[in-house]
PDB file of N, CA and C in Angstrom:
ATOM      1  N   MET A   1     143.510  53.032 127.581  1.00  0.00           N
ATOM      2  CA  MET A   1     143.100  52.060 126.374  1.00  0.00           C
ATOM      3  C   MET A   1     143.454  52.302 124.777  1.00  0.00           C
ATOM      4  N   LYS A   2     143.867  51.599 124.411  1.00  0.00           N
ATOM      5  CA  LYS A   2     144.750  51.740 122.858  1.00  0.00           C
ATOM      6  C   LYS A   2     144.515  50.321 122.049  1.00  0.00           C
ATOM      7  N   ILE A   3     144.016  50.693 120.479  1.00  0.00           N
ATOM      8  CA  ILE A   3     143.504  49.044 119.889  1.00  0.00           C
ATOM      9  C   ILE A   3     145.238  49.589 119.259  1.00  0.00           C
ATOM     10  N   VAL A   4     145.783  47.910 119.210  1.00  0.00           N
ATOM     11  CA  VAL A   4     147.303  47.824 119.077  1.00  0.00           C
ATOM     12  C   VAL A   4     147.185  46.780 117.890  1.00  0.00           C
ATOM     13  N   GLY A   5     145.865  46.477 117.425  1.00  0.00           N
ATOM     14  CA  GLY A   5     146.060  45.689 116.411  1.00  0.00           C
ATOM     15  C   GLY A   5     144.176  44.675 116.287  1.00  0.00           C
ATOM     16  N   LYS A   6     144.972  43.662 115.410  1.00  0.00           N
ATOM     17  CA  LYS A   6     142.763  42.916 114.844  1.00  0.00           C
ATOM     18  C   LYS A   6     143.392  41.579 114.713  1.00  0.00           C
ATOM     19  N   VAL A   7     143.058  41.036 115.099  1.00  0.00           N
ATOM     20  CA  VAL A   7     142.985  39.092 115.011  1.00  0.00           C
ATOM     21  C   VAL A   7     142.009  38.709 113.957  1.00  0.00           C
ATOM     22  N   LEU A   8     141.745  37.604 113.042  1.00  0.00           N
ATOM     23  CA  LEU A   8     141.176  37.247 112.287  1.00  0.00           C
ATOM     24  C   LEU A   8     140.480  36.160 113.145  1.00  0.00           C
ATOM     25  N   ASP A   9     138.537  36.443 111.830  1.00  0.00           N
ATOM     26  CA  ASP A   9     137.917  35.486 112.429  1.00  0.00           C
ATOM     27  C   ASP A   9     138.706  34.609 113.416  1.00  0.00           C
ATOM     28  N   GLU A  10     138.839  33.358 112.821  1.00  0.00           N
ATOM     29  CA  GLU A  10     139.231  31.886 113.325  1.00  0.00           C
ATOM     30  C   GLU A  10     140.149  31.712 114.365  1.00  0.00           C
ATOM     31  N   GLU A  11     141.474  32.779 114.319  1.00  0.00           N
ATOM     32  CA  GLU A  11     141.975  33.001 115.489  1.00  0.00           C
ATOM     33  C   GLU A  11     140.749  33.750 116.537  1.00  0.00           C
ATOM     34  N   LYS A  12     140.200  34.764 116.733  1.00  0.00           N
ATOM     35  CA  LYS A  12     139.507  35.084 117.749  1.00  0.00           C
ATOM     36  C   LYS A  12     138.150  33.708 118.718  1.00  0.00           C
ATOM     37  N   LYS A  13     137.935  32.930 117.080  1.00  0.00           N
ATOM     38  CA  LYS A  13     136.727  32.022 117.691  1.00  0.00           C
ATOM     39  C   LYS A  13     137.743  30.574 118.968  1.00  0.00           C
ATOM     40  N   GLU A  14     139.234  30.685 117.836  1.00  0.00           N
ATOM     41  CA  GLU A  14     140.088  30.206 118.721  1.00  0.00           C
ATOM     42  C   GLU A  14     139.629  30.187 120.614  1.00  0.00           C
ATOM     43  N   LEU A  15     140.635  31.779 120.284  1.00  0.00           N
ATOM     44  CA  LEU A  15     140.343  32.145 121.985  1.00  0.00           C
ATOM     45  C   LEU A  15     138.940  32.257 122.601  1.00  0.00           C
ATOM     46  N   GLN A  16     138.005  32.407 121.674  1.00  0.00           N
ATOM     47  CA  GLN A  16     136.586  32.991 123.082  1.00  0.00           C
ATOM     48  C   GLN A  16     136.239  31.594 122.998  1.00  0.00           C
ATOM     49  N   GLU A  17     136.615  29.980 122.487  1.00  0.00           N
ATOM     50  CA  GLU A  17     135.912  29.160 123.256  1.00  0.00           C
ATOM     51  C   GLU A  17     137.191  28.759 124.178  1.00  0.00           C
ATOM     52  N   LEU A  18     138.938  29.187 124.146  1.00  0.00           N
ATOM     53  CA  LEU A  18     139.188  28.911 125.446  1.00  0.00           C
ATOM     54  C   LEU A  18     138.588  29.414 126.914  1.00  0.00           C
ATOM     55  N   PHE A  19     138.092  31.371 126.159  1.00  0.00           N
ATOM     56  CA  PHE A  19     137.603  31.688 127.348  1.00  0.00           C
ATOM     57  C   PHE A  19     136.369  31.435 128.203  1.00  0.00           C
ATOM     58  N   GLU A  20     135.737  30.703 127.105  1.00  0.00           N
ATOM     59  CA  GLU A  20     134.311  30.336 128.018  1.00  0.00           C
ATOM     60  C   GLU A  20     134.582  29.140 128.419  1.00  0.00           C
ATOM     61  N   LYS A  21     135.844  28.045 127.541  1.00  0.00           N
ATOM     62  CA  LYS A  21     135.767  26.889 128.411  1.00  0.00           C
ATOM     63  C   LYS A  21     136.243  27.185 130.156  1.00  0.00           C
ATOM     64  N   ARG A  22     137.067  28.821 130.106  1.00  0.00           N
ATOM     65  CA  ARG A  22     137.938  28.702 131.421  1.00  0.00           C
ATOM     66  C   ARG A  22     136.643  28.984 132.230  1.00  0.00           C
ATOM     67  N   THR A  23     136.063  30.107 132.132  1.00  0.00           N
ATOM     68  CA  THR A  23     134.468  30.787 132.684  1.00  0.00           C
ATOM     69  C   THR A  23     134.018  29.787 133.324  1.00  0.00           C
ATOM     70  N   ALA A  24     133.617  28.499 132.558  1.00  0.00           N
ATOM     71  CA  ALA A  24     133.097  27.203 133.028  1.00  0.00           C
ATOM     72  C   ALA A  24     133.342  26.838 133.848  1.00  0.00           C
ATOM     73  N   LEU A  25     134.686  26.050 133.780  1.00  0.00           N
ATOM     74  CA  LEU A  25     135.849  26.015 134.789  1.00  0.00           C
ATOM     75  C   LEU A  25     135.883  26.533 136.187  1.00  0.00           C
ATOM     76  N   GLU A  26     135.934  27.731 135.987  1.00  0.00           N
ATOM     77  CA  GLU A  26     135.867  28.547 137.188  1.00  0.00           C
ATOM     78  C   GLU A  26     134.409  28.558 138.426  1.00  0.00           C
ATOM     79  N   THR A  27     133.721  28.071 137.275  1.00  0.00           N
ATOM     80  CA  THR A  27     132.032  28.513 137.607  1.00  0.00           C
ATOM     81  C   THR A  27     131.977  27.461 138.735  1.00  0.00           C
ATOM     82  N   LEU A  28     132.191  25.981 137.341  1.00  0.00           N
ATOM     83  CA  LEU A  28     131.898  24.673 138.190  1.00  0.00           C
ATOM     84  C   LEU A  28     132.897  24.975 139.686  1.00  0.00           C
ATOM     85  N   LEU A  29     134.554  25.476 140.269  1.00  0.00           N
ATOM     86  CA  LEU A  29     134.764  25.364 140.657  1.00  0.00           C
ATOM     87  C   LEU A  29     134.039  25.810 141.946  1.00  0.00           C
ATOM     88  N   LYS A  30     133.269  26.926 142.299  1.00  0.00           N
ATOM     89  CA  LYS A  30     132.220  27.389 143.184  1.00  0.00           C
ATOM     90  C   LYS A  30     130.762  26.728 143.114  1.00  0.00           C
ATOM     91  N   CYS A  31     131.176  25.592 142.627  1.00  0.00           N
ATOM     92  CA  CYS A  31     129.338  25.005 142.575  1.00  0.00           C
ATOM     93  C   CYS A  31     129.834  23.339 143.117  1.00  0.00           C
ATOM     94  N   ILE A  32     130.883  23.627 143.084  1.00  0.00           N
ATOM     95  CA  ILE A  32     131.093  21.361 143.398  1.00  0.00           C
ATOM     96  C   ILE A  32     131.491  21.590 144.655  1.00  0.00           C
ATOM     97  N   ASP A  33     131.637  20.072 145.773  1.00  0.00           N
ATOM     98  CA  ASP A  33     131.394  19.953 146.927  1.00  0.00           C
ATOM     99  C   ASP A  33     132.963  19.812 146.885  1.00  0.00           C
ATOM    100  N   LEU A  34     134.045  20.894 147.510  1.00  0.00           N
ATOM    101  CA  LEU A  34     135.762  20.784 148.101  1.00  0.00           C
ATOM    102  C   LEU A  34     136.085  19.425 148.412  1.00  0.00           C
ATOM    103  N   ASN A  35     135.024  18.992 149.073  1.00  0.00           N
ATOM    104  CA  ASN A  35     135.974  17.161 149.773  1.00  0.00           C
ATOM    105  C   ASN A  35     135.318  16.317 148.717  1.00  0.00           C
ATOM    106  N   ASP A  36     135.027  16.982 146.995  1.00  0.00           N
ATOM    107  CA  ASP A  36     135.180  15.699 146.363  1.00  0.00           C
ATOM    108  C   ASP A  36     136.672  16.140 145.959  1.00  0.00           C
ATOM    109  N   SER A  37     138.048  15.920 146.317  1.00  0.00           N
ATOM    110  CA  SER A  37     138.850  15.650 145.843  1.00  0.00           C
ATOM    111  C   SER A  37     139.660  15.238 144.605  1.00  0.00           C
ATOM    112  N   ILE A  38     138.728  14.380 143.687  1.00  0.00           N
ATOM    113  CA  ILE A  38     138.958  13.525 142.425  1.00  0.00           C
ATOM    114  C   ILE A  38     138.476  14.545 141.812  1.00  0.00           C
ATOM    115  N   LEU A  39     137.108  14.958 142.012  1.00  0.00           N
ATOM    116  CA  LEU A  39     136.686  15.804 140.922  1.00  0.00           C
ATOM    117  C   LEU A  39     137.636  17.308 141.082  1.00  0.00           C
ATOM    118  N   TYR A  40     137.641  17.601 142.480  1.00  0.00           N
ATOM    119  CA  TYR A  40     138.475  19.252 142.259  1.00  0.00           C
ATOM    120  C   TYR A  40     139.780  18.877 141.648  1.00  0.00           C
ATOM    121  N   GLU A  41     140.311  18.037 141.663  1.00  0.00           N
ATOM    122  CA  GLU A  41     142.345  17.900 141.162  1.00  0.00           C
ATOM    123  C   GLU A  41     141.468  17.825 139.455  1.00  0.00           C
ATOM    124  N   LYS A  42     140.721  16.578 139.185  1.00  0.00           N
ATOM    125  CA  LYS A  42     140.393  17.190 137.821  1.00  0.00           C
ATOM    126  C   LYS A  42     139.853  18.504 136.856  1.00  0.00           C
ATOM    127  N   ILE A  43     139.062  19.394 137.635  1.00  0.00           N
ATOM    128  CA  ILE A  43     138.682  19.963 137.410  1.00  0.00           C
ATOM    129  C   ILE A  43     139.928  21.217 137.389  1.00  0.00           C
ATOM    130  N   ILE A  44     140.648  21.301 138.754  1.00  0.00           N
ATOM    131  CA  ILE A  44     142.072  21.831 138.297  1.00  0.00           C
ATOM    132  C   ILE A  44     143.088  21.770 137.359  1.00  0.00           C
ATOM    133  N   GLU A  45     143.350  20.297 136.723  1.00  0.00           N
ATOM    134  CA  GLU A  45     143.934  20.004 136.251  1.00  0.00           C
ATOM    135  C   GLU A  45     143.657  20.832 134.409  1.00  0.00           C
ATOM    136  N   ASP A  46     142.215  20.381 134.353  1.00  0.00           N
ATOM    137  CA  ASP A  46     141.859  20.773 132.789  1.00  0.00           C
ATOM    138  C   ASP A  46     142.065  22.940 132.994  1.00  0.00           C
ATOM    139  N   TYR A  47     141.806  23.388 134.573  1.00  0.00           N
ATOM    140  CA  TYR A  47     141.905  25.120 134.236  1.00  0.00           C
ATOM    141  C   TYR A  47     143.468  24.628 133.758  1.00  0.00           C
ATOM    142  N   ALA A  48     143.811  24.259 134.201  1.00  0.00           N
ATOM    143  CA  ALA A  48     145.458  24.734 133.612  1.00  0.00           C
ATOM    144  C   ALA A  48     145.664  24.157 132.370  1.00  0.00           C
ATOM    145  N   GLY A  49     145.530  23.391 132.414  1.00  0.00           N
ATOM    146  CA  GLY A  49     145.568  23.137 130.762  1.00  0.00           C
ATOM    147  C   GLY A  49     144.622  24.283 129.634  1.00  0.00           C
ATOM    148  N   VAL A  50     143.934  24.468 130.133  1.00  0.00           N
ATOM    149  CA  VAL A  50     143.189  25.754 129.379  1.00  0.00           C
ATOM    150  C   VAL A  50     143.441  26.916 129.626  1.00  0.00           C
ATOM    151  N   GLN A  51     144.604  26.965 130.443  1.00  0.00           N
ATOM    152  CA  GLN A  51     144.519  28.970 130.928  1.00  0.00           C
ATOM    153  C   GLN A  51     146.277  28.368 130.036  1.00  0.00           C
ATOM    154  N   LYS A  52     146.945  27.404 130.133  1.00  0.00           N
ATOM    155  CA  LYS A  52     148.102  27.284 129.085  1.00  0.00           C
ATOM    156  C   LYS A  52     148.091  27.365 128.117  1.00  0.00           C
ATOM    157  N   LYS A  53     146.703  26.769 126.958  1.00  0.00           N
ATOM    158  CA  LYS A  53     146.782  27.126 125.825  1.00  0.00           C
ATOM    159  C   LYS A  53     146.036  28.804 125.769  1.00  0.00           C
ATOM    160  N   PHE A  54     145.712  28.848 126.775  1.00  0.00           N
ATOM    161  CA  PHE A  54     144.942  30.723 126.494  1.00  0.00           C
ATOM    162  C   PHE A  54     146.168  31.837 126.352  1.00  0.00           C
ATOM    163  N   ASP A  55     147.543  31.549 127.292  1.00  0.00           N
ATOM    164  CA  ASP A  55     148.514  32.264 127.510  1.00  0.00           C
ATOM    165  C   ASP A  55     148.699  31.706 126.553  1.00  0.00           C
ATOM    166  N   HIS A  56     149.193  30.855 125.412  1.00  0.00           N
ATOM    167  CA  HIS A  56     149.969  30.352 124.325  1.00  0.00           C
ATOM    168  C   HIS A  56     149.360  30.978 123.168  1.00  0.00           C
ATOM    169  N   TRP A  57     148.686  31.314 123.104  1.00  0.00           N
ATOM    170  CA  TRP A  57     147.874  32.046 121.935  1.00  0.00           C
ATOM    171  C   TRP A  57     148.080  33.335 122.198  1.00  0.00           C
ATOM    172  N   TRP A  58     147.734  33.934 123.444  1.00  0.00           N
ATOM    173  CA  TRP A  58     148.199  35.514 123.602  1.00  0.00           C
ATOM    174  C   TRP A  58     149.663  35.674 123.017  1.00  0.00           C
ATOM    175  N   SER A  59     150.391  34.715 123.210  1.00  0.00           N
ATOM    176  CA  SER A  59     152.015  34.912 123.095  1.00  0.00           C
ATOM    177  C   SER A  59     152.366  34.856 121.207  1.00  0.00           C
ATOM    178  N   GLU A  60     151.516  33.389 121.318  1.00  0.00           N
ATOM    179  CA  GLU A  60     151.886  33.584 119.992  1.00  0.00           C
ATOM    180  C   GLU A  60     150.715  34.622 118.662  1.00  0.00           C
ATOM    181  N   MET A  61     150.080  35.549 119.185  1.00  0.00           N
ATOM    182  CA  MET A  61     149.794  36.105 118.486  1.00  0.00           C
ATOM    183  C   MET A  61     150.086  37.723 118.140  1.00  0.00           C
ATOM    184  N   TYR A  62     150.951  37.983 119.807  1.00  0.00           N
ATOM    185  CA  TYR A  62     151.796  39.229 120.169  1.00  0.00           C
ATOM    186  C   TYR A  62     152.939  39.057 118.844  1.00  0.00           C
ATOM    187  N   LYS A  63     153.878  37.315 118.669  1.00  0.00           N
ATOM    188  CA  LYS A  63     154.496  37.039 117.507  1.00  0.00           C
ATOM    189  C   LYS A  63     154.248  37.476 116.482  1.00  0.00           C
ATOM    190  N   LYS A  64     153.293  36.877 116.053  1.00  0.00           N
ATOM    191  CA  LYS A  64     152.460  36.904 115.081  1.00  0.00           C
ATOM    192  C   LYS A  64     152.345  38.682 114.168  1.00  0.00           C
ATOM    193  N   TYR A  65     151.771  39.431 115.368  1.00  0.00           N
ATOM    194  CA  TYR A  65     151.307  40.805 114.985  1.00  0.00           C
ATOM    195  C   TYR A  65     152.190  41.639 115.520  1.00  0.00           C
ATOM    196  N   ASN A  66     153.217  41.071 115.994  1.00  0.00           N
ATOM    197  CA  ASN A  66     154.058  42.832 116.922  1.00  0.00           C
ATOM    198  C   ASN A  66     153.834  43.699 116.733  1.00  0.00           C
ATOM    199  N   TRP A  67     152.091  42.827 118.202  1.00  0.00           N
ATOM    200  CA  TRP A  67     151.386  44.442 119.056  1.00  0.00           C
ATOM    201  C   TRP A  67     153.006  44.784 120.359  1.00  0.00           C
ATOM    202  N   GLU A  68     152.171  46.274 120.229  1.00  0.00           N
ATOM    203  CA  GLU A  68     153.170  47.037 121.014  1.00  0.00           C
ATOM    204  C   GLU A  68     152.734  46.209 121.975  1.00  0.00           C
ATOM    205  N   THR A  69     153.842  46.272 123.093  1.00  0.00           N
ATOM    206  CA  THR A  69     153.747  45.929 124.009  1.00  0.00           C
ATOM    207  C   THR A  69     153.183  46.374 125.067  1.00  0.00           C
ATOM    208  N   GLY A  70     152.010  45.616 126.111  1.00  0.00           N
ATOM    209  CA  GLY A  70     151.453  46.861 127.081  1.00  0.00           C
ATOM    210  C   GLY A  70     151.556  46.142 128.493  1.00  0.00           C
ATOM    211  N   ASP A  71     151.104  46.944 129.481  1.00  0.00           N
ATOM    212  CA  ASP A  71     150.371  45.478 130.368  1.00  0.00           C
ATOM    213  C   ASP A  71     149.610  44.833 130.470  1.00  0.00           C
ATOM    214  N   SER A  72     148.596  44.674 129.576  1.00  0.00           N
ATOM    215  CA  SER A  72     147.907  43.402 129.166  1.00  0.00           C
ATOM    216  C   SER A  72     147.039  44.094 128.317  1.00  0.00           C
ATOM    217  N   TRP A  73     146.869  42.878 127.396  1.00  0.00           N
ATOM    218  CA  TRP A  73     145.808  42.903 126.298  1.00  0.00           C
ATOM    219  C   TRP A  73     144.767  42.370 126.573  1.00  0.00           C
ATOM    220  N   GLN A  74     143.569  42.669 125.967  1.00  0.00           N
ATOM    221  CA  GLN A  74     141.960  42.293 125.999  1.00  0.00           C
ATOM    222  C   GLN A  74     141.840  42.463 124.230  1.00  0.00           C
ATOM    223  N   ILE A  75     140.864  41.366 124.427  1.00  0.00           N
ATOM    224  CA  ILE A  75     140.296  41.637 122.951  1.00  0.00           C
ATOM    225  C   ILE A  75     138.764  41.733 123.146  1.00  0.00           C
ATOM    226  N   ASP A  76     137.955  42.431 121.969  1.00  0.00           N
ATOM    227  CA  ASP A  76     136.952  43.138 122.038  1.00  0.00           C
ATOM    228  C   ASP A  76     136.264  41.717 121.031  1.00  0.00           C
ATOM    229  N   PHE A  77     135.400  40.925 121.480  1.00  0.00           N
ATOM    230  CA  PHE A  77     135.016  39.337 120.521  1.00  0.00           C
ATOM    231  C   PHE A  77     134.362  40.110 119.681  1.00  0.00           C
ATOM    232  N   ASN A  78     133.574  41.090 119.850  1.00  0.00           N
ATOM    233  CA  ASN A  78     132.453  41.990 118.739  1.00  0.00           C
ATOM    234  C   ASN A  78     133.341  42.660 117.054  1.00  0.00           C
ATOM    235  N   THR A  79     134.532  43.119 117.719  1.00  0.00           N
ATOM    236  CA  THR A  79     135.493  43.844 116.302  1.00  0.00           C
ATOM    237  C   THR A  79     136.564  43.126 116.119  1.00  0.00           C
ATOM    238  N   ASN A  80     137.031  42.145 116.728  1.00  0.00           N
ATOM    239  CA  ASN A  80     138.433  41.720 117.075  1.00  0.00           C
ATOM    240  C   ASN A  80     139.598  42.069 117.240  1.00  0.00           C
ATOM    241  N   GLU A  81     139.145  43.463 117.358  1.00  0.00           N
ATOM    242  CA  GLU A  81     140.292  44.475 118.551  1.00  0.00           C
ATOM    243  C   GLU A  81     140.819  43.676 119.421  1.00  0.00           C
ATOM    244  N   ILE A  82     142.468  44.079 119.312  1.00  0.00           N
ATOM    245  CA  ILE A  82     143.413  43.950 120.449  1.00  0.00           C
ATOM    246  C   ILE A  82     143.316  44.906 120.925  1.00  0.00           C
ATOM    247  N   ILE A  83     142.897  45.427 122.696  1.00  0.00           N
ATOM    248  CA  ILE A  83     143.797  46.640 123.065  1.00  0.00           C
ATOM    249  C   ILE A  83     144.309  46.455 124.604  1.00  0.00           C
ATOM    250  N   THR A  84     145.467  47.425 124.595  1.00  0.00           N
ATOM    251  CA  THR A  84     146.429  47.609 125.352  1.00  0.00           C
ATOM    252  C   THR A  84     145.886  48.473 126.030  1.00  0.00           C
ATOM    253  N   LEU A  85     146.297  47.986 127.382  1.00  0.00           N
ATOM    254  CA  LEU A  85     145.265  48.786 128.656  1.00  0.00           C
ATOM    255  C   LEU A  85     146.461  49.965 129.065  1.00  0.00           C
ATOM    256  N   GLY A  86     147.666  49.611 128.870  1.00  0.00           N
ATOM    257  CA  GLY A  86     148.828  51.069 129.131  1.00  0.00           C
ATOM    258  C   GLY A  86     150.397  50.525 128.692  1.00  0.00           C
ATOM    259  N   PRO A  87     150.814  51.503 128.860  1.00  0.00           N
ATOM    260  CA  PRO A  87     152.805  50.936 128.793  1.00  0.00           C
ATOM    261  C   PRO A  87     153.423  50.012 129.854  1.00  0.00           C
ATOM    262  N   LYS A  88     154.120  48.816 129.306  1.00  0.00           N
ATOM    263  CA  LYS A  88     154.254  47.786 130.339  1.00  0.00           C
ATOM    264  C   LYS A  88     155.697  49.003 130.869  1.00  0.00           C
ATOM    265  N   ALA A  89     155.650  48.402 132.137  1.00  0.00           N
ATOM    266  CA  ALA A  89     156.756  49.469 133.102  1.00  0.00           C
ATOM    267  C   ALA A  89     158.096  49.161 133.276  1.00  0.00           C
TER     268      ALA A  89
END
Protein backbone atom coordinates (compact mmCIF):
# COMPACT_ATOMS: atom_id res chain seq x y z
CA MET A 1 0.00 0.00 0.00
CA LYS A 2 1.20 3.47 -0.87
CA ILE A 3 -0.24 6.95 -0.38
CA VAL A 4 -0.55 8.56 -3.81
CA GLY A 5 -2.41 11.74 -2.96
CA LYS A 6 -4.96 13.58 -0.93
CA VAL A 7 -8.33 15.16 -1.74
CA LEU A 8 -10.07 18.23 -0.37
CA ASP A 9 -12.65 17.89 2.40
CA GLU A 10 -15.47 18.76 -0.03
CA GLU A 11 -14.31 16.07 -2.45
CA LYS A 12 -14.07 13.52 0.35
CA LYS A 13 -17.56 14.37 1.57
CA GLU A 14 -18.95 13.85 -1.94
CA LEU A 15 -17.41 10.38 -2.13
CA GLN A 16 -18.41 9.55 1.42
CA GLU A 17 -22.07 10.32 0.63
CA LEU A 18 -21.93 8.09 -2.44
CA PHE A 19 -20.24 5.35 -0.43
CA GLU A 20 -22.93 5.54 2.26
CA LYS A 21 -25.74 5.48 -0.33
CA ARG A 22 -24.20 2.48 -2.06
CA THR A 23 -23.82 0.64 1.24
CA ALA A 24 -27.43 1.41 2.20
CA LEU A 25 -28.70 0.10 -1.14
CA GLU A 26 -26.62 -3.06 -0.74
CA THR A 27 -28.16 -3.55 2.71
CA LEU A 28 -31.66 -3.02 1.32
CA LEU A 29 -31.04 -5.68 -1.31
CA LYS A 30 -30.27 -8.15 1.46
CA CYS A 31 -33.47 -7.29 3.33
CA ILE A 32 -36.19 -7.08 0.70
CA ASP A 33 -38.45 -9.79 -0.58
CA LEU A 34 -36.98 -10.72 -3.95
CA ASN A 35 -40.49 -11.51 -5.17
CA ASP A 36 -41.24 -7.78 -5.04
CA SER A 37 -39.82 -7.18 -8.50
CA ILE A 38 -40.85 -3.51 -8.65
CA LEU A 39 -38.95 -2.65 -5.46
CA TYR A 40 -36.00 -4.84 -6.48
CA GLU A 41 -35.75 -3.18 -9.89
CA LYS A 42 -35.94 0.29 -8.32
CA ILE A 43 -33.13 -0.50 -5.90
CA ILE A 44 -31.00 -1.98 -8.69
CA GLU A 45 -31.63 1.12 -10.82
CA ASP A 46 -30.67 3.42 -7.93
CA TYR A 47 -27.61 1.30 -7.18
CA ALA A 48 -26.43 1.49 -10.79
CA GLY A 49 -26.79 5.28 -10.74
CA VAL A 50 -24.85 5.62 -7.49
CA GLN A 51 -22.14 3.25 -8.73
CA LYS A 52 -21.79 5.29 -11.92
CA LYS A 53 -21.34 8.49 -9.89
CA PHE A 54 -18.91 6.66 -7.59
CA ASP A 55 -16.79 5.50 -10.53
CA HIS A 56 -16.99 8.96 -12.11
CA TRP A 57 -15.69 10.55 -8.90
CA TRP A 58 -12.63 8.30 -8.93
CA SER A 59 -12.02 8.98 -12.62
CA GLU A 60 -12.28 12.76 -12.19
CA MET A 61 -10.03 12.83 -9.13
CA TYR A 62 -7.46 10.66 -10.93
CA LYS A 63 -7.39 13.17 -13.79
CA LYS A 64 -7.36 16.20 -11.51
CA TYR A 65 -4.56 15.03 -9.23
CA ASN A 66 -2.67 12.83 -11.71
CA TRP A 67 -2.29 9.98 -9.23
CA GLU A 68 0.01 7.07 -9.78
CA THR A 69 -1.87 4.29 -11.51
CA GLY A 70 -2.63 1.30 -9.32
CA ASP A 71 -4.72 -1.83 -9.25
CA SER A 72 -7.23 -0.03 -7.09
CA TRP A 73 -7.46 2.97 -4.84
CA GLN A 74 -8.92 3.47 -1.43
CA ILE A 75 -9.59 6.59 0.56
CA ASP A 76 -8.94 7.06 4.23
CA PHE A 77 -12.00 9.11 5.20
CA ASN A 78 -10.18 10.34 8.34
CA THR A 79 -7.17 11.82 6.56
CA ASN A 80 -8.48 12.28 2.97
CA GLU A 81 -5.46 10.29 1.76
CA ILE A 82 -5.71 8.17 -1.36
CA ILE A 83 -3.96 4.83 -1.16
CA THR A 84 -3.08 2.47 -3.98
CA LEU A 85 -2.90 -1.24 -3.33
CA GLY A 86 -0.19 -1.88 -5.88
CA PRO A 87 1.05 -1.34 -9.41
CA LYS A 88 -1.25 -1.98 -12.33
CA ALA A 89 -0.25 -5.03 -14.33
